[in-house]
Each structure stands twice: as C-alpha cells, then as structure tokens.
C-alpha atoms as a PDB file:
ATOM      1  CA  UNK A   1     -48.095  65.520 -38.503  1.00  0.00           C
ATOM      2  CA  UNK A   2     -48.013  62.268 -36.640  1.00  0.00           C
ATOM      3  CA  UNK A   3     -47.406  60.325 -39.867  1.00  0.00           C
ATOM      4  CA  UNK A   4     -44.357  62.323 -40.800  1.00  0.00           C
ATOM      5  CA  UNK A   5     -42.745  61.729 -37.450  1.00  0.00           C
ATOM      6  CA  UNK A   6     -43.168  58.038 -37.690  1.00  0.00           C
ATOM      7  CA  UNK A   7     -41.844  58.232 -41.116  1.00  0.00           C
ATOM      8  CA  UNK A   8     -38.999  60.393 -40.108  1.00  0.00           C
ATOM      9  CA  UNK A   9     -38.021  57.735 -37.394  1.00  0.00           C
ATOM     10  CA  UNK A  10     -38.135  54.995 -39.833  1.00  0.00           C
ATOM     11  CA  UNK A  11     -35.902  56.756 -42.374  1.00  0.00           C
ATOM     12  CA  UNK A  12     -33.478  57.384 -39.555  1.00  0.00           C
ATOM     13  CA  UNK A  13     -33.633  53.839 -38.343  1.00  0.00           C
ATOM     14  CA  UNK A  14     -33.218  52.498 -41.787  1.00  0.00           C
ATOM     15  CA  UNK A  15     -30.258  54.944 -42.500  1.00  0.00           C
ATOM     16  CA  UNK A  16     -28.474  53.864 -39.403  1.00  0.00           C
ATOM     17  CA  UNK A  17     -28.902  50.160 -40.203  1.00  0.00           C
ATOM     18  CA  UNK A  18     -27.533  50.653 -43.670  1.00  0.00           C
ATOM     19  CA  UNK A  19     -24.618  52.568 -42.381  1.00  0.00           C
ATOM     20  CA  UNK A  20     -23.830  49.924 -39.784  1.00  0.00           C
ATOM     21  CA  UNK A  21     -24.073  47.295 -42.542  1.00  0.00           C
ATOM     22  CA  UNK A  22     -21.781  49.192 -44.774  1.00  0.00           C
ATOM     23  CA  UNK A  23     -19.228  49.662 -42.067  1.00  0.00           C
ATOM     24  CA  UNK A  24     -19.400  45.822 -41.102  1.00  0.00           C
ATOM     25  CA  UNK A  25     -18.571  45.002 -44.662  1.00  0.00           C
ATOM     26  CA  UNK A  26     -15.307  47.042 -44.911  1.00  0.00           C
ATOM     27  CA  UNK A  27     -12.159  45.011 -45.161  1.00  0.00           C
ATOM     28  CA  UNK A  28      -9.882  44.829 -42.103  1.00  0.00           C
ATOM     29  CA  UNK A  29      -7.033  47.056 -43.561  1.00  0.00           C
ATOM     30  CA  UNK A  30      -9.658  49.930 -44.180  1.00  0.00           C
ATOM     31  CA  UNK A  31      -8.990  53.295 -42.620  1.00  0.00           C
ATOM     32  CA  UNK A  32     -11.972  52.275 -40.203  1.00  0.00           C
ATOM     33  CA  UNK A  33      -9.909  49.382 -38.839  1.00  0.00           C
ATOM     34  CA  UNK A  34      -6.830  51.384 -38.696  1.00  0.00           C
ATOM     35  CA  UNK A  35      -8.554  54.070 -36.698  1.00  0.00           C
ATOM     36  CA  UNK A  36      -9.661  51.684 -33.921  1.00  0.00           C
ATOM     37  CA  UNK A  37      -6.291  52.098 -32.129  1.00  0.00           C
ATOM     38  CA  UNK A  38      -5.783  48.352 -32.403  1.00  0.00           C
ATOM     39  CA  UNK A  39      -2.029  47.338 -32.096  1.00  0.00           C
ATOM     40  CA  UNK A  40      -0.456  44.005 -33.161  1.00  0.00           C
ATOM     41  CA  UNK A  41       0.454  43.403 -29.326  1.00  0.00           C
ATOM     42  CA  UNK A  42      -3.284  43.251 -28.585  1.00  0.00           C
ATOM     43  CA  UNK A  43      -3.565  39.820 -30.231  1.00  0.00           C
ATOM     44  CA  UNK A  44      -2.015  38.234 -27.172  1.00  0.00           C
ATOM     45  CA  UNK A  45      -4.423  40.026 -24.942  1.00  0.00           C
ATOM     46  CA  UNK A  46      -7.496  39.018 -27.197  1.00  0.00           C
ATOM     47  CA  UNK A  47      -6.349  35.478 -27.028  1.00  0.00           C
ATOM     48  CA  UNK A  48      -5.894  35.613 -23.121  1.00  0.00           C
ATOM     49  CA  UNK A  49      -9.466  37.219 -22.952  1.00  0.00           C
ATOM     50  CA  UNK A  50     -10.839  34.230 -24.951  1.00  0.00           C
ATOM     51  CA  UNK A  51      -8.989  31.766 -22.960  1.00  0.00           C
ATOM     52  CA  UNK A  52     -10.350  33.257 -19.597  1.00  0.00           C
ATOM     53  CA  UNK A  53     -13.816  32.935 -20.914  1.00  0.00           C
ATOM     54  CA  UNK A  54     -13.694  29.405 -21.917  1.00  0.00           C
ATOM     55  CA  UNK A  55     -11.135  27.667 -19.692  1.00  0.00           C
ATOM     56  CA  UNK A  56     -11.736  27.775 -15.859  1.00  0.00           C
ATOM     57  CA  UNK A  57      -8.518  28.993 -14.042  1.00  0.00           C
ATOM     58  CA  UNK A  58      -7.106  26.155 -11.875  1.00  0.00           C
ATOM     59  CA  UNK A  59      -6.798  27.076  -8.233  1.00  0.00           C
ATOM     60  CA  UNK A  60      -7.046  23.742  -6.473  1.00  0.00           C
ATOM     61  CA  UNK A  61      -7.210  19.985  -6.845  1.00  0.00           C
ATOM     62  CA  UNK A  62     -10.898  19.461  -6.734  1.00  0.00           C
ATOM     63  CA  UNK A  63     -13.049  19.375  -9.786  1.00  0.00           C
ATOM     64  CA  UNK A  64     -14.868  22.517  -8.886  1.00  0.00           C
ATOM     65  CA  UNK A  65     -11.412  24.271  -8.680  1.00  0.00           C
ATOM     66  CA  UNK A  66      -9.888  23.472 -11.839  1.00  0.00           C
ATOM     67  CA  UNK A  67     -10.176  22.482 -15.394  1.00  0.00           C
ATOM     68  CA  UNK A  68     -10.359  18.869 -15.519  1.00  0.00           C
ATOM     69  CA  UNK A  69      -9.907  15.997 -18.164  1.00  0.00           C
ATOM     70  CA  UNK A  70     -13.755  15.988 -18.318  1.00  0.00           C
ATOM     71  CA  UNK A  71     -13.978  19.526 -18.738  1.00  0.00           C
ATOM     72  CA  UNK A  72     -11.602  19.134 -21.789  1.00  0.00           C
ATOM     73  CA  UNK A  73     -13.647  16.471 -23.219  1.00  0.00           C
ATOM     74  CA  UNK A  74     -16.728  18.847 -23.188  1.00  0.00           C
ATOM     75  CA  UNK A  75     -14.705  21.680 -24.564  1.00  0.00           C
ATOM     76  CA  UNK A  76     -13.792  19.433 -27.559  1.00  0.00           C
ATOM     77  CA  UNK A  77     -17.223  17.876 -27.914  1.00  0.00           C
ATOM     78  CA  UNK A  78     -18.726  21.384 -28.073  1.00  0.00           C
ATOM     79  CA  UNK A  79     -16.059  22.171 -30.611  1.00  0.00           C
ATOM     80  CA  UNK A  80     -15.533  25.397 -28.366  1.00  0.00           C
ATOM     81  CA  UNK A  81     -12.282  26.359 -30.080  1.00  0.00           C
ATOM     82  CA  UNK A  82     -13.901  26.408 -33.526  1.00  0.00           C
ATOM     83  CA  UNK A  83     -16.721  28.230 -32.360  1.00  0.00           C
ATOM     84  CA  UNK A  84     -14.465  31.101 -30.890  1.00  0.00           C
ATOM     85  CA  UNK A  85     -12.470  31.292 -34.001  1.00  0.00           C
ATOM     86  CA  UNK A  86     -15.587  31.564 -36.009  1.00  0.00           C
ATOM     87  CA  UNK A  87     -16.909  34.444 -33.879  1.00  0.00           C
ATOM     88  CA  UNK A  88     -13.379  36.053 -33.981  1.00  0.00           C
ATOM     89  CA  UNK A  89     -13.379  36.036 -37.758  1.00  0.00           C
ATOM     90  CA  UNK A  90     -16.612  38.171 -37.477  1.00  0.00           C
ATOM     91  CA  UNK A  91     -15.333  40.407 -34.594  1.00  0.00           C
ATOM     92  CA  UNK A  92     -14.443  43.954 -35.709  1.00  0.00           C
ATOM     93  CA  UNK A  93     -11.942  44.031 -32.822  1.00  0.00           C
ATOM     94  CA  UNK A  94     -10.147  40.852 -33.804  1.00  0.00           C
ATOM     95  CA  UNK A  95     -10.054  42.023 -37.330  1.00  0.00           C
ATOM     96  CA  UNK A  96      -8.662  45.412 -36.579  1.00  0.00           C
ATOM     97  CA  UNK A  97      -5.862  43.656 -34.504  1.00  0.00           C
ATOM     98  CA  UNK A  98      -5.156  41.460 -37.400  1.00  0.00           C
ATOM     99  CA  UNK A  99      -5.061  44.407 -39.608  1.00  0.00           C
ATOM    100  CA  UNK A 100      -2.513  45.987 -37.199  1.00  0.00           C
ATOM    101  CA  UNK A 101      -0.420  42.801 -37.549  1.00  0.00           C
ATOM    102  CA  UNK A 102      -0.466  42.829 -41.382  1.00  0.00           C
ATOM    103  CA  UNK A 103       1.250  46.257 -41.478  1.00  0.00           C
ATOM    104  CA  UNK A 104       4.209  44.718 -39.820  1.00  0.00           C
ATOM    105  CA  UNK A 105       7.128  43.055 -41.634  1.00  0.00           C
ATOM    106  CA  UNK A 106       6.949  39.427 -42.521  1.00  0.00           C
ATOM    107  CA  UNK A 107       9.397  38.605 -39.776  1.00  0.00           C
ATOM    108  CA  UNK A 108       7.644  40.508 -37.062  1.00  0.00           C
ATOM    109  CA  UNK A 109       4.304  38.930 -38.188  1.00  0.00           C
ATOM    110  CA  UNK A 110       5.915  35.390 -37.745  1.00  0.00           C
ATOM    111  CA  UNK A 111       7.259  36.254 -34.361  1.00  0.00           C
ATOM    112  CA  UNK A 112       3.983  37.717 -33.045  1.00  0.00           C
ATOM    113  CA  UNK A 113       1.953  34.933 -34.505  1.00  0.00           C
ATOM    114  CA  UNK A 114       4.419  32.271 -33.323  1.00  0.00           C
ATOM    115  CA  UNK A 115       4.217  33.691 -29.669  1.00  0.00           C
ATOM    116  CA  UNK A 116       0.614  34.090 -29.771  1.00  0.00           C
ATOM    117  CA  UNK A 117      -0.051  30.455 -30.926  1.00  0.00           C
ATOM    118  CA  UNK A 118       1.805  29.085 -27.827  1.00  0.00           C
ATOM    119  CA  UNK A 119      -0.168  31.247 -25.275  1.00  0.00           C
ATOM    120  CA  UNK A 120      -0.980  29.000 -22.241  1.00  0.00           C
ATOM    121  CA  UNK A 121      -0.501  29.057 -18.616  1.00  0.00           C
ATOM    122  CA  UNK A 122       2.403  26.690 -17.431  1.00  0.00           C
ATOM    123  CA  UNK A 123       1.022  23.480 -16.078  1.00  0.00           C
ATOM    124  CA  UNK A 124       1.413  22.647 -12.437  1.00  0.00           C
ATOM    125  CA  UNK A 125       3.821  19.941 -13.549  1.00  0.00           C
ATOM    126  CA  UNK A 126       6.003  22.273 -15.258  1.00  0.00           C
ATOM    127  CA  UNK A 127       5.802  24.565 -12.098  1.00  0.00           C
ATOM    128  CA  UNK A 128       6.551  21.764  -9.719  1.00  0.00           C
ATOM    129  CA  UNK A 129       3.588  22.734  -7.513  1.00  0.00           C
ATOM    130  CA  UNK A 130      -0.145  23.249  -7.499  1.00  0.00           C
ATOM    131  CA  UNK A 131      -0.800  26.995  -7.478  1.00  0.00           C
ATOM    132  CA  UNK A 132      -3.864  28.390  -5.748  1.00  0.00           C
ATOM    133  CA  UNK A 133      -3.759  31.851  -7.467  1.00  0.00           C
ATOM    134  CA  UNK A 134      -4.423  30.773 -10.919  1.00  0.00           C
ATOM    135  CA  UNK A 135      -0.833  31.264 -12.299  1.00  0.00           C
ATOM    136  CA  UNK A 136      -0.668  27.662 -13.137  1.00  0.00           C
ATOM    137  CA  UNK A 137      -3.000  25.357 -14.827  1.00  0.00           C
ATOM    138  CA  UNK A 138      -3.931  21.537 -15.074  1.00  0.00           C
ATOM    139  CA  UNK A 139      -2.563  19.721 -18.160  1.00  0.00           C
ATOM    140  CA  UNK A 140      -6.109  19.661 -19.427  1.00  0.00           C
ATOM    141  CA  UNK A 141      -6.602  23.505 -18.962  1.00  0.00           C
ATOM    142  CA  UNK A 142      -3.254  24.179 -20.640  1.00  0.00           C
ATOM    143  CA  UNK A 143      -4.264  21.975 -23.571  1.00  0.00           C
ATOM    144  CA  UNK A 144      -7.509  23.842 -23.984  1.00  0.00           C
ATOM    145  CA  UNK A 145      -5.699  27.243 -23.851  1.00  0.00           C
ATOM    146  CA  UNK A 146      -3.324  26.115 -26.452  1.00  0.00           C
ATOM    147  CA  UNK A 147      -6.110  24.875 -28.731  1.00  0.00           C
ATOM    148  CA  UNK A 148      -7.655  28.216 -28.367  1.00  0.00           C
ATOM    149  CA  UNK A 149      -4.551  30.223 -29.102  1.00  0.00           C
ATOM    150  CA  UNK A 150      -3.732  27.890 -32.205  1.00  0.00           C
ATOM    151  CA  UNK A 151      -7.161  28.238 -33.835  1.00  0.00           C
ATOM    152  CA  UNK A 152      -7.222  32.128 -33.186  1.00  0.00           C
ATOM    153  CA  UNK A 153      -3.795  32.449 -34.857  1.00  0.00           C
ATOM    154  CA  UNK A 154      -4.955  30.237 -37.617  1.00  0.00           C
ATOM    155  CA  UNK A 155      -7.932  32.561 -38.087  1.00  0.00           C
ATOM    156  CA  UNK A 156      -5.614  35.633 -37.964  1.00  0.00           C
ATOM    157  CA  UNK A 157      -3.468  33.985 -40.721  1.00  0.00           C
ATOM    158  CA  UNK A 158      -6.559  33.339 -42.847  1.00  0.00           C
ATOM    159  CA  UNK A 159      -7.764  36.889 -42.579  1.00  0.00           C
ATOM    160  CA  UNK A 160      -4.366  38.187 -43.557  1.00  0.00           C
ATOM    161  CA  UNK A 161      -4.267  35.827 -46.549  1.00  0.00           C
ATOM    162  CA  UNK A 162      -7.633  37.023 -47.581  1.00  0.00           C
ATOM    163  CA  UNK A 163      -6.735  40.704 -47.412  1.00  0.00           C
ATOM    164  CA  UNK A 164      -3.215  40.520 -48.618  1.00  0.00           C
ATOM    165  CA  UNK A 165      -2.333  42.148 -51.908  1.00  0.00           C
ATOM    166  CA  UNK A 166      -1.771  39.832 -54.893  1.00  0.00           C
ATOM    167  CA  UNK A 167       1.756  38.506 -54.997  1.00  0.00           C
ATOM    168  CA  UNK A 168       2.575  39.057 -51.343  1.00  0.00           C
ATOM    169  CA  UNK A 169       3.165  35.925 -49.150  1.00  0.00           C
ATOM    170  CA  UNK A 170       2.382  35.948 -45.510  1.00  0.00           C
END
C-alpha cells in the first residue's frame, strides 16, 4: 500500500511537470497566451517595471540618491539590458503581451512599439530642475532606461517576426 501511494505521487508530479513543459512550449499567439488577459497597452507597463527594477530613481544630487555615470558603466558592463531582454523572451507574461500587440493592425503595432522604445523619465536638464520625487532622472539614468526600452521593443519585434504567418511583414 505504501509503495502505491509513492508511485501515485510520482505519477502526479511527473504529469504536472509534463503539462507544465507543454504549456511553456506553446507559441505566443496560442489560445493560452490570448486567455491571459494581456493587452497591447501592457507593453509600456512591462517596460516601466523592468526599468524600475534595474535603474534607481533619482531623488537627489548625491550618488546614493540617484543613478550615476558609474552606475551606467556598471549597467553596461554587466550587459543588464541584454540580460533583461533574454529573460523577457522566455517570460510568458511578455510573450502574451507581444501576442496582444501582434493582433493589432500594422499601423497600431508601429505606434505602440515606437512609443514603447522611447520610454524614459525626463532628465533633470529637460525639466530644468532636480526633482526629489523621482519624476525626473539623471542623464545616466534616462540613458539606461532608454536602453532597456529599446532592447525590450527589439525582443518584442523578434518574437512577432518568429510567430508571424508567412508573407506578413511586421
């Protein structure tokens, strides 16, 4: 009796693992991706989330209060933007968002992708003041944010091109 309970647990775990693997292999425009509720507008939110994870908000002039040139050098040396893009390509959430964008007309896709590729806080220089509330950013911080938005939009375009029907240009 004990052996059969262990065996049953193994079968259940193995079955769950196989189902999980099968779901992970579905293309982004499958019904599973469409049923996630992802919308094309979520691309900007996804990018902003990644920017806030990897680029410190600038709230003052001291190094511990803002994203500095040294931080940007480390960001680039660690190839952070590329790592984030690789993780996004594997992310079911990102793939579902890209699938939602792919359902739009080519003009709408271009507009959303163009806007998303330019997401970054305005620099303090652009604002004409140093903000303490995080609404502005150092030049280094805005540069890192733009690099993230550009690589994520590039990843989205690549996913759309992979899953596009033959003969349809993105």
